[in-house]
Protein backbone atom coordinates (compact mmCIF):
# COMPACT_ATOMS: atom_id res chain seq x y z
CA MET A 1 0.30 -0.08 -0.10
CA TYR A 2 2.82 2.45 0.98
CA TYR A 3 5.80 0.97 -1.23
CA LYS A 4 5.14 3.80 -4.32
CA ARG A 5 4.64 6.53 -2.09
CA ILE A 6 8.19 5.64 0.18
CA CYS A 7 9.88 5.10 -3.06
CA ALA A 8 8.86 8.40 -4.64
CA PHE A 9 9.93 10.07 -1.09
CA GLY A 10 13.36 8.14 -1.57
CA TYR A 11 13.86 9.46 -5.00
CA ARG A 12 13.94 12.95 -3.38
CA TYR A 13 16.89 11.97 -1.93
CA ILE A 14 18.72 9.57 -4.26
CA THR A 15 18.12 9.66 -8.05
CA ASP A 16 19.27 6.25 -9.01
CA ALA A 17 16.04 3.80 -8.96
CA SER A 18 17.59 0.47 -8.41
CA GLU A 19 19.41 2.06 -5.06
CA VAL A 20 16.07 3.55 -4.00
CA GLU A 21 14.27 0.52 -4.46
CA ASP A 22 16.89 -1.54 -2.79
CA ILE A 23 16.85 0.76 0.29
CA ILE A 24 13.00 0.89 0.37
CA GLN A 25 13.02 -2.99 0.47
CA ASP A 26 15.32 -2.50 3.37
CA VAL A 27 13.04 -0.27 5.07
CA PHE A 28 9.88 -2.59 4.77
CA LEU A 29 12.03 -5.55 5.82
CA SER A 30 12.81 -3.28 8.70
CA LEU A 31 9.14 -2.67 9.58
CA TRP A 32 8.45 -6.44 9.12
CA GLU A 33 10.83 -7.15 11.96
CA ARG A 34 9.31 -4.62 13.73
CA LYS A 35 5.75 -5.13 13.31
CA LYS A 36 4.56 -5.90 16.73
CA ASP A 37 5.48 -2.39 17.74
CA PHE A 38 2.93 -0.62 15.72
CA ASP A 39 -0.36 -0.36 16.88
CA HIS A 40 -1.77 2.40 14.29
CA PRO A 41 -1.67 2.86 10.66
CA ASP A 42 -0.12 6.47 11.19
CA SER A 43 2.78 5.09 13.35
CA ILE A 44 3.52 2.79 10.33
CA LYS A 45 3.34 5.75 7.74
CA THR A 46 5.73 7.64 10.39
CA PHE A 47 8.09 4.69 10.68
CA LEU A 48 8.37 4.22 6.96
CA TYR A 49 8.93 7.91 5.78
CA THR A 50 11.55 8.43 8.88
CA THR A 51 13.18 5.15 8.17
CA ALA A 52 13.39 5.89 4.42
CA ARG A 53 14.82 9.24 5.13
CA ASN A 54 17.84 7.81 7.32
CA LYS A 55 18.52 4.90 4.93
CA CYS A 56 18.64 7.41 2.18
CA LEU A 57 20.72 9.87 4.04
CA ASN A 58 23.10 6.89 5.29
CA TYR A 59 23.46 5.83 1.72
CA LEU A 60 24.58 9.38 0.49
CA LYS A 61 27.14 9.69 3.59
CA HIS A 62 28.61 6.21 2.52
CA LYS A 63 28.96 7.37 -1.04
CA LYS A 64 30.66 10.88 0.09
CA VAL A 65 33.01 8.51 2.01
CA VAL A 66 33.56 6.35 -1.07
CA ARG A 67 34.14 8.98 -3.36
CA LYS A 68 36.65 11.03 -1.12
CA HIS A 69 38.83 7.80 -1.07
CA GLU A 70 38.18 6.98 -5.01
CA ALA A 71 39.91 10.26 -5.99
CA PRO A 72 43.21 9.67 -4.58
CA LEU A 73 43.23 5.83 -5.70
CA LEU A 74 42.46 6.71 -9.11
CA LYS A 75 45.18 9.35 -9.21
CA GLU A 76 47.55 6.68 -7.92
CA LEU A 77 46.14 4.18 -10.60
CA GLU A 78 46.53 6.81 -13.34
CA SER A 79 50.03 7.35 -12.37
CA ASP A 80 52.97 5.89 -14.70
CA GLN A 81 54.82 4.78 -11.48
CA PHE A 82 51.88 2.61 -10.71
CA PHE A 83 51.94 1.50 -13.97
CA ILE A 84 55.85 0.56 -14.44
CA ASP A 85 55.57 -0.74 -10.55
CA HIS A 86 53.18 -3.44 -11.51
CA VAL A 87 54.41 -4.29 -15.12
CA ILE A 88 57.76 -5.22 -13.21
CA GLU A 89 55.95 -7.20 -10.61
CA GLU A 90 53.76 -9.24 -13.22
CA GLU A 91 57.22 -9.48 -15.22
CA VAL A 92 59.36 -10.82 -12.09
CA PHE A 93 56.53 -13.10 -11.06
CA SER A 94 56.26 -14.55 -14.51
CA GLN A 95 59.97 -15.05 -14.88
CA LEU A 96 60.06 -16.56 -10.99
CA HIS A 97 57.26 -19.07 -11.99
CA MET A 98 59.14 -19.97 -15.22
CA GLU A 99 62.72 -20.65 -13.43
CA ILE A 100 60.72 -22.57 -10.51
CA LYS A 101 59.09 -24.97 -13.18
CA MET A 102 62.88 -25.54 -14.38
CA LEU A 103 63.86 -26.90 -11.01
CA PRO A 104 63.85 -30.48 -9.90
CA GLU A 105 60.44 -31.41 -8.97
CA ALA A 106 61.01 -31.63 -5.30
CA SER A 107 62.22 -28.20 -5.07
CA GLN A 108 59.34 -27.12 -7.44
CA LYS A 109 56.76 -28.26 -4.75
CA ILE A 110 58.50 -26.73 -1.90
CA MET A 111 58.91 -23.22 -3.57
CA MET A 112 55.42 -23.01 -4.75
CA LEU A 113 54.29 -24.04 -1.17
CA SER A 114 56.62 -21.44 -0.13
CA LEU A 115 55.31 -18.91 -2.38
CA LYS A 116 52.01 -19.34 -1.04
CA GLY A 117 53.07 -18.32 2.30
CA LYS A 118 53.40 -22.01 3.83
CA LYS A 119 55.97 -22.48 6.86
CA ILE A 120 58.65 -24.87 6.74
CA ARG A 121 56.96 -27.12 9.19
CA GLU A 122 53.41 -26.84 6.94
CA ILE A 123 55.55 -27.85 3.97
CA ALA A 124 57.44 -30.77 5.62
CA GLN A 125 54.15 -32.13 6.79
CA GLN A 126 51.98 -31.68 3.71
CA LEU A 127 55.07 -33.55 1.46
CA GLY A 128 55.77 -36.19 4.07
CA VAL A 129 59.25 -34.97 4.55
CA SER A 130 61.76 -33.64 7.24
CA GLU A 131 61.93 -29.95 8.14
CA ASN A 132 65.80 -30.12 7.16
CA THR A 133 64.93 -31.72 3.61
CA VAL A 134 62.74 -28.52 2.98
CA LYS A 135 65.25 -26.19 4.38
CA THR A 136 68.09 -27.83 2.42
CA GLN A 137 65.68 -27.80 -0.92
CA LYS A 138 64.99 -23.93 -0.26
CA LYS A 139 68.49 -23.44 0.15
CA LEU A 140 69.75 -24.91 -3.06
CA ALA A 141 66.41 -23.62 -5.04
CA TYR A 142 67.30 -20.14 -3.73
CA ALA A 143 70.81 -20.44 -4.72
CA LYS A 144 69.80 -21.47 -8.56
CA LEU A 145 66.93 -18.75 -8.74
CA ARG A 146 69.25 -16.15 -7.69
CA THR A 147 71.98 -16.75 -9.99
CA LYS A 148 69.45 -17.19 -12.85
CA LEU A 149 67.15 -14.32 -12.00
CA SER A 150 69.91 -11.76 -11.44
CA SER A 151 70.60 -11.63 -15.25
CA ASP A 152 67.10 -11.92 -16.20
CA LEU A 153 65.74 -9.15 -13.73
CA LYS A 154 68.59 -6.82 -15.59
CA GLY A 155 66.95 -7.74 -18.73
CA ILE A 156 63.10 -6.88 -17.75
CA LEU A 157 64.16 -3.55 -16.03
CA LEU A 158 65.99 -2.55 -19.02
CA SER A 159 63.35 -3.42 -21.27
CA LEU A 160 60.90 -1.18 -19.58
């Protein structure tokens, strides 16, 4: 009975029809949850209008905060430094994964789990090997990767 009226009221605050409809749905859900609190139709209307206004204002305040934080983020995303940093990051990770695939199978597994943030103990348990084996394999893998990647990284940086 009140849905169209409350939506029309919400449009005075917010111009996006789908957002208003979502908010008004939420208003009616609030009414449903508190239905026992109302004994007169006028109190229902008052509740609906007041709740709609408050939810619309909360939505607008939230959008204001989002816009405030979007501007600096957009500026950062548009910057050349952001672009260069992320190109380098992607190229380095790509090269790292290619080099890890060139390692012996045991070292590959250990390095991939390590890159996922697993601790030595977790890797050892998952692979069914001792912690010393994991440490040794990581040390050997790091040495091979360090040697191979140092020249590759120079090439990546020079190509940018």
